[in-house]
């Protein structure tokens, strides 16, 4: 199957960053939500990496959150020392180059990783479109993104 332009872009970024073994796949089923993505690849919802963009006074941030969790903006704001708000769909596209539902964890933003993702042997992250994904280990995700592990979830 030939990849769409957005998925090809993600594949190229993976290769440029030294991860040519990670392969973006586009599926027939939607992977826009964590639940849909989990069903499409036969994984637990917790194994799905949600890429969420928030904007603060000092810039934008990428939060990589387990599909089973909700990000706690107040907890994260305290950890970062600044107020945050969720980016609008237009801001997400401008900041990452990708639309909501397909934002890969390769966006050029400071990244933070939900500690719960470290418990899984295999994760699935968005590959540039609402139907594209790629599998990787938590260690590969940390190396790929330079993300800082943090307790991000709502209590």
C-alpha atoms as a PDB file:
ATOM      1  CA  UNK A   1       0.000   0.000   0.000  1.00  0.00           C
ATOM      2  CA  UNK A   2       1.322   3.436  -0.934  1.00  0.00           C
ATOM      3  CA  UNK A   3       1.446   5.937   1.912  1.00  0.00           C
ATOM      4  CA  UNK A   4      -0.337   9.286   1.741  1.00  0.00           C
ATOM      5  CA  UNK A   5       1.872  12.416   1.599  1.00  0.00           C
ATOM      6  CA  UNK A   6       1.495  13.098   5.348  1.00  0.00           C
ATOM      7  CA  UNK A   7       2.351   9.508   6.287  1.00  0.00           C
ATOM      8  CA  UNK A   8       5.336   9.600   3.895  1.00  0.00           C
ATOM      9  CA  UNK A   9       6.524  12.748   5.675  1.00  0.00           C
ATOM     10  CA  UNK A  10       6.411  10.951   9.021  1.00  0.00           C
ATOM     11  CA  UNK A  11       8.261   7.951   7.564  1.00  0.00           C
ATOM     12  CA  UNK A  12      10.952  10.292   6.209  1.00  0.00           C
ATOM     13  CA  UNK A  13      11.319  11.982   9.626  1.00  0.00           C
ATOM     14  CA  UNK A  14      11.662   8.586  11.319  1.00  0.00           C
ATOM     15  CA  UNK A  15      14.406   7.635   8.863  1.00  0.00           C
ATOM     16  CA  UNK A  16      16.191  11.007   9.245  1.00  0.00           C
ATOM     17  CA  UNK A  17      16.217  10.589  13.025  1.00  0.00           C
ATOM     18  CA  UNK A  18      17.811   7.145  12.797  1.00  0.00           C
ATOM     19  CA  UNK A  19      14.709   4.948  13.078  1.00  0.00           C
ATOM     20  CA  UNK A  20      14.404   3.387   9.590  1.00  0.00           C
ATOM     21  CA  UNK A  21      13.113   0.138  11.149  1.00  0.00           C
ATOM     22  CA  UNK A  22       9.950   1.917  12.373  1.00  0.00           C
ATOM     23  CA  UNK A  23       7.335   1.661   9.626  1.00  0.00           C
ATOM     24  CA  UNK A  24       4.253   3.806   9.211  1.00  0.00           C
ATOM     25  CA  UNK A  25       1.213   1.832   8.084  1.00  0.00           C
ATOM     26  CA  UNK A  26      -2.094   3.195   6.842  1.00  0.00           C
ATOM     27  CA  UNK A  27      -5.156   1.186   7.715  1.00  0.00           C
ATOM     28  CA  UNK A  28      -8.658   0.980   6.311  1.00  0.00           C
ATOM     29  CA  UNK A  29     -10.107   1.690   9.753  1.00  0.00           C
ATOM     30  CA  UNK A  30      -9.949   5.098  11.408  1.00  0.00           C
ATOM     31  CA  UNK A  31      -7.344   5.571  14.126  1.00  0.00           C
ATOM     32  CA  UNK A  32      -8.440   9.124  14.994  1.00  0.00           C
ATOM     33  CA  UNK A  33      -9.328   8.222  18.606  1.00  0.00           C
ATOM     34  CA  UNK A  34      -7.336   6.049  20.991  1.00  0.00           C
ATOM     35  CA  UNK A  35     -10.220   3.547  21.126  1.00  0.00           C
ATOM     36  CA  UNK A  36     -10.405   3.310  17.315  1.00  0.00           C
ATOM     37  CA  UNK A  37      -6.634   2.954  17.052  1.00  0.00           C
ATOM     38  CA  UNK A  38      -6.536   0.203  19.676  1.00  0.00           C
ATOM     39  CA  UNK A  39      -9.297  -1.733  17.920  1.00  0.00           C
ATOM     40  CA  UNK A  40      -7.593  -1.306  14.532  1.00  0.00           C
ATOM     41  CA  UNK A  41      -4.277  -2.814  15.695  1.00  0.00           C
ATOM     42  CA  UNK A  42      -5.548  -5.239  18.354  1.00  0.00           C
ATOM     43  CA  UNK A  43      -3.903  -3.377  21.237  1.00  0.00           C
ATOM     44  CA  UNK A  44      -5.003  -2.111  24.632  1.00  0.00           C
ATOM     45  CA  UNK A  45      -6.168   1.512  24.684  1.00  0.00           C
ATOM     46  CA  UNK A  46      -3.300   2.270  27.080  1.00  0.00           C
ATOM     47  CA  UNK A  47      -0.765   1.349  24.364  1.00  0.00           C
ATOM     48  CA  UNK A  48      -1.973   4.150  22.097  1.00  0.00           C
ATOM     49  CA  UNK A  49       0.082   7.348  22.276  1.00  0.00           C
ATOM     50  CA  UNK A  50      -2.112  10.436  22.128  1.00  0.00           C
ATOM     51  CA  UNK A  51      -0.200  13.499  20.897  1.00  0.00           C
ATOM     52  CA  UNK A  52      -1.694  16.583  22.557  1.00  0.00           C
ATOM     53  CA  UNK A  53      -0.503  20.130  21.927  1.00  0.00           C
ATOM     54  CA  UNK A  54      -0.809  22.791  24.615  1.00  0.00           C
ATOM     55  CA  UNK A  55       0.260  26.418  24.525  1.00  0.00           C
ATOM     56  CA  UNK A  56       1.745  28.337  27.424  1.00  0.00           C
ATOM     57  CA  UNK A  57       3.234  31.751  28.013  1.00  0.00           C
ATOM     58  CA  UNK A  58       6.686  30.548  26.948  1.00  0.00           C
ATOM     59  CA  UNK A  59       5.675  28.459  23.944  1.00  0.00           C
ATOM     60  CA  UNK A  60       3.978  25.272  22.824  1.00  0.00           C
ATOM     61  CA  UNK A  61       4.452  21.752  24.166  1.00  0.00           C
ATOM     62  CA  UNK A  62       3.730  18.225  22.979  1.00  0.00           C
ATOM     63  CA  UNK A  63       2.287  15.847  25.553  1.00  0.00           C
ATOM     64  CA  UNK A  64       2.450  12.132  24.730  1.00  0.00           C
ATOM     65  CA  UNK A  65      -0.334  10.584  26.778  1.00  0.00           C
ATOM     66  CA  UNK A  66      -1.485   6.994  27.181  1.00  0.00           C
ATOM     67  CA  UNK A  67      -4.807   6.403  25.438  1.00  0.00           C
ATOM     68  CA  UNK A  68      -6.349   5.294  28.733  1.00  0.00           C
ATOM     69  CA  UNK A  69      -5.507   8.561  30.504  1.00  0.00           C
ATOM     70  CA  UNK A  70      -6.703  12.153  30.449  1.00  0.00           C
ATOM     71  CA  UNK A  71      -4.062  14.855  30.690  1.00  0.00           C
ATOM     72  CA  UNK A  72      -4.349  16.995  33.817  1.00  0.00           C
ATOM     73  CA  UNK A  73      -3.573  20.552  32.593  1.00  0.00           C
ATOM     74  CA  UNK A  74      -3.349  21.950  36.141  1.00  0.00           C
ATOM     75  CA  UNK A  75      -0.828  19.305  37.225  1.00  0.00           C
ATOM     76  CA  UNK A  76       1.229  19.917  34.086  1.00  0.00           C
ATOM     77  CA  UNK A  77       1.029  23.703  34.494  1.00  0.00           C
ATOM     78  CA  UNK A  78       2.388  23.360  38.041  1.00  0.00           C
ATOM     79  CA  UNK A  79       5.243  21.146  36.804  1.00  0.00           C
ATOM     80  CA  UNK A  80       6.147  23.601  34.023  1.00  0.00           C
ATOM     81  CA  UNK A  81       5.549  26.734  36.063  1.00  0.00           C
ATOM     82  CA  UNK A  82       3.206  28.375  33.563  1.00  0.00           C
ATOM     83  CA  UNK A  83      -0.477  28.412  32.663  1.00  0.00           C
ATOM     84  CA  UNK A  84      -1.422  26.202  29.716  1.00  0.00           C
ATOM     85  CA  UNK A  85      -4.355  25.879  27.354  1.00  0.00           C
ATOM     86  CA  UNK A  86      -5.098  23.302  24.711  1.00  0.00           C
ATOM     87  CA  UNK A  87      -4.086  24.444  21.239  1.00  0.00           C
ATOM     88  CA  UNK A  88      -6.846  25.088  18.712  1.00  0.00           C
ATOM     89  CA  UNK A  89      -6.997  22.802  15.658  1.00  0.00           C
ATOM     90  CA  UNK A  90      -5.502  25.640  13.592  1.00  0.00           C
ATOM     91  CA  UNK A  91      -2.651  26.102  16.069  1.00  0.00           C
ATOM     92  CA  UNK A  92      -1.968  22.355  16.131  1.00  0.00           C
ATOM     93  CA  UNK A  93      -1.668  22.318  12.336  1.00  0.00           C
ATOM     94  CA  UNK A  94       0.564  25.422  12.319  1.00  0.00           C
ATOM     95  CA  UNK A  95       2.815  24.171  15.149  1.00  0.00           C
ATOM     96  CA  UNK A  96       3.179  20.536  14.072  1.00  0.00           C
ATOM     97  CA  UNK A  97       2.384  20.466  10.364  1.00  0.00           C
ATOM     98  CA  UNK A  98      -0.290  17.838  11.006  1.00  0.00           C
ATOM     99  CA  UNK A  99      -4.030  17.900  11.709  1.00  0.00           C
ATOM    100  CA  UNK A 100      -5.598  16.690  14.952  1.00  0.00           C
ATOM    101  CA  UNK A 101      -6.185  12.938  14.828  1.00  0.00           C
ATOM    102  CA  UNK A 102      -2.903  12.276  13.043  1.00  0.00           C
ATOM    103  CA  UNK A 103      -0.282  14.286  14.964  1.00  0.00           C
ATOM    104  CA  UNK A 104       2.813  12.098  15.229  1.00  0.00           C
ATOM    105  CA  UNK A 105       5.224  12.271  18.171  1.00  0.00           C
ATOM    106  CA  UNK A 106       7.842  13.843  15.890  1.00  0.00           C
ATOM    107  CA  UNK A 107       6.523  17.410  16.103  1.00  0.00           C
ATOM    108  CA  UNK A 108       9.294  19.980  16.676  1.00  0.00           C
ATOM    109  CA  UNK A 109       8.112  20.911  20.175  1.00  0.00           C
ATOM    110  CA  UNK A 110       9.408  20.242  23.699  1.00  0.00           C
ATOM    111  CA  UNK A 111       7.827  16.897  24.611  1.00  0.00           C
ATOM    112  CA  UNK A 112       6.658  15.263  27.811  1.00  0.00           C
ATOM    113  CA  UNK A 113       5.797  11.577  28.138  1.00  0.00           C
ATOM    114  CA  UNK A 114       3.045  10.083  30.291  1.00  0.00           C
ATOM    115  CA  UNK A 115       4.893   7.761  32.687  1.00  0.00           C
ATOM    116  CA  UNK A 116       2.167   5.118  32.224  1.00  0.00           C
ATOM    117  CA  UNK A 117       3.415   4.517  28.654  1.00  0.00           C
ATOM    118  CA  UNK A 118       6.668   3.110  30.059  1.00  0.00           C
ATOM    119  CA  UNK A 119       4.806   0.044  31.383  1.00  0.00           C
ATOM    120  CA  UNK A 120       3.989  -1.345  27.926  1.00  0.00           C
ATOM    121  CA  UNK A 121       6.375  -3.386  25.771  1.00  0.00           C
ATOM    122  CA  UNK A 122       4.901  -1.936  22.574  1.00  0.00           C
ATOM    123  CA  UNK A 123       3.190   1.348  21.776  1.00  0.00           C
ATOM    124  CA  UNK A 124       1.345   2.708  18.750  1.00  0.00           C
ATOM    125  CA  UNK A 125       1.661   6.350  17.716  1.00  0.00           C
ATOM    126  CA  UNK A 126      -0.046   8.442  15.036  1.00  0.00           C
ATOM    127  CA  UNK A 127       1.630   8.438  11.652  1.00  0.00           C
ATOM    128  CA  UNK A 128       0.446  11.717  10.144  1.00  0.00           C
ATOM    129  CA  UNK A 129      -3.164  10.949   9.202  1.00  0.00           C
ATOM    130  CA  UNK A 130      -6.275   9.677  11.043  1.00  0.00           C
ATOM    131  CA  UNK A 131      -5.589   6.237   9.525  1.00  0.00           C
ATOM    132  CA  UNK A 132      -1.808   5.989   9.922  1.00  0.00           C
ATOM    133  CA  UNK A 133       0.148   4.508  12.841  1.00  0.00           C
ATOM    134  CA  UNK A 134       3.536   3.078  13.669  1.00  0.00           C
ATOM    135  CA  UNK A 135       4.621   0.745  16.454  1.00  0.00           C
ATOM    136  CA  UNK A 136       7.587   1.340  18.730  1.00  0.00           C
ATOM    137  CA  UNK A 137       8.876   0.616  22.215  1.00  0.00           C
ATOM    138  CA  UNK A 138       8.712   3.169  25.036  1.00  0.00           C
ATOM    139  CA  UNK A 139      12.510   3.440  24.876  1.00  0.00           C
ATOM    140  CA  UNK A 140      12.362   4.221  21.145  1.00  0.00           C
ATOM    141  CA  UNK A 141       9.672   6.836  21.796  1.00  0.00           C
ATOM    142  CA  UNK A 142      11.874   8.515  24.412  1.00  0.00           C
ATOM    143  CA  UNK A 143      14.890   8.544  22.066  1.00  0.00           C
ATOM    144  CA  UNK A 144      12.810   9.698  19.087  1.00  0.00           C
ATOM    145  CA  UNK A 145      11.195  12.609  20.907  1.00  0.00           C
ATOM    146  CA  UNK A 146      13.630  13.541  23.668  1.00  0.00           C
ATOM    147  CA  UNK A 147      10.530  13.614  25.870  1.00  0.00           C
ATOM    148  CA  UNK A 148      10.757  13.990  29.605  1.00  0.00           C
ATOM    149  CA  UNK A 149       8.708  11.399  31.532  1.00  0.00           C
ATOM    150  CA  UNK A 150       6.186  13.060  33.817  1.00  0.00           C
ATOM    151  CA  UNK A 151       3.056  12.200  35.760  1.00  0.00           C
ATOM    152  CA  UNK A 152       0.538  13.780  33.358  1.00  0.00           C
ATOM    153  CA  UNK A 153      -2.713  12.030  34.148  1.00  0.00           C
ATOM    154  CA  UNK A 154      -5.767  13.176  35.996  1.00  0.00           C
ATOM    155  CA  UNK A 155      -6.137  11.576  39.397  1.00  0.00           C
END
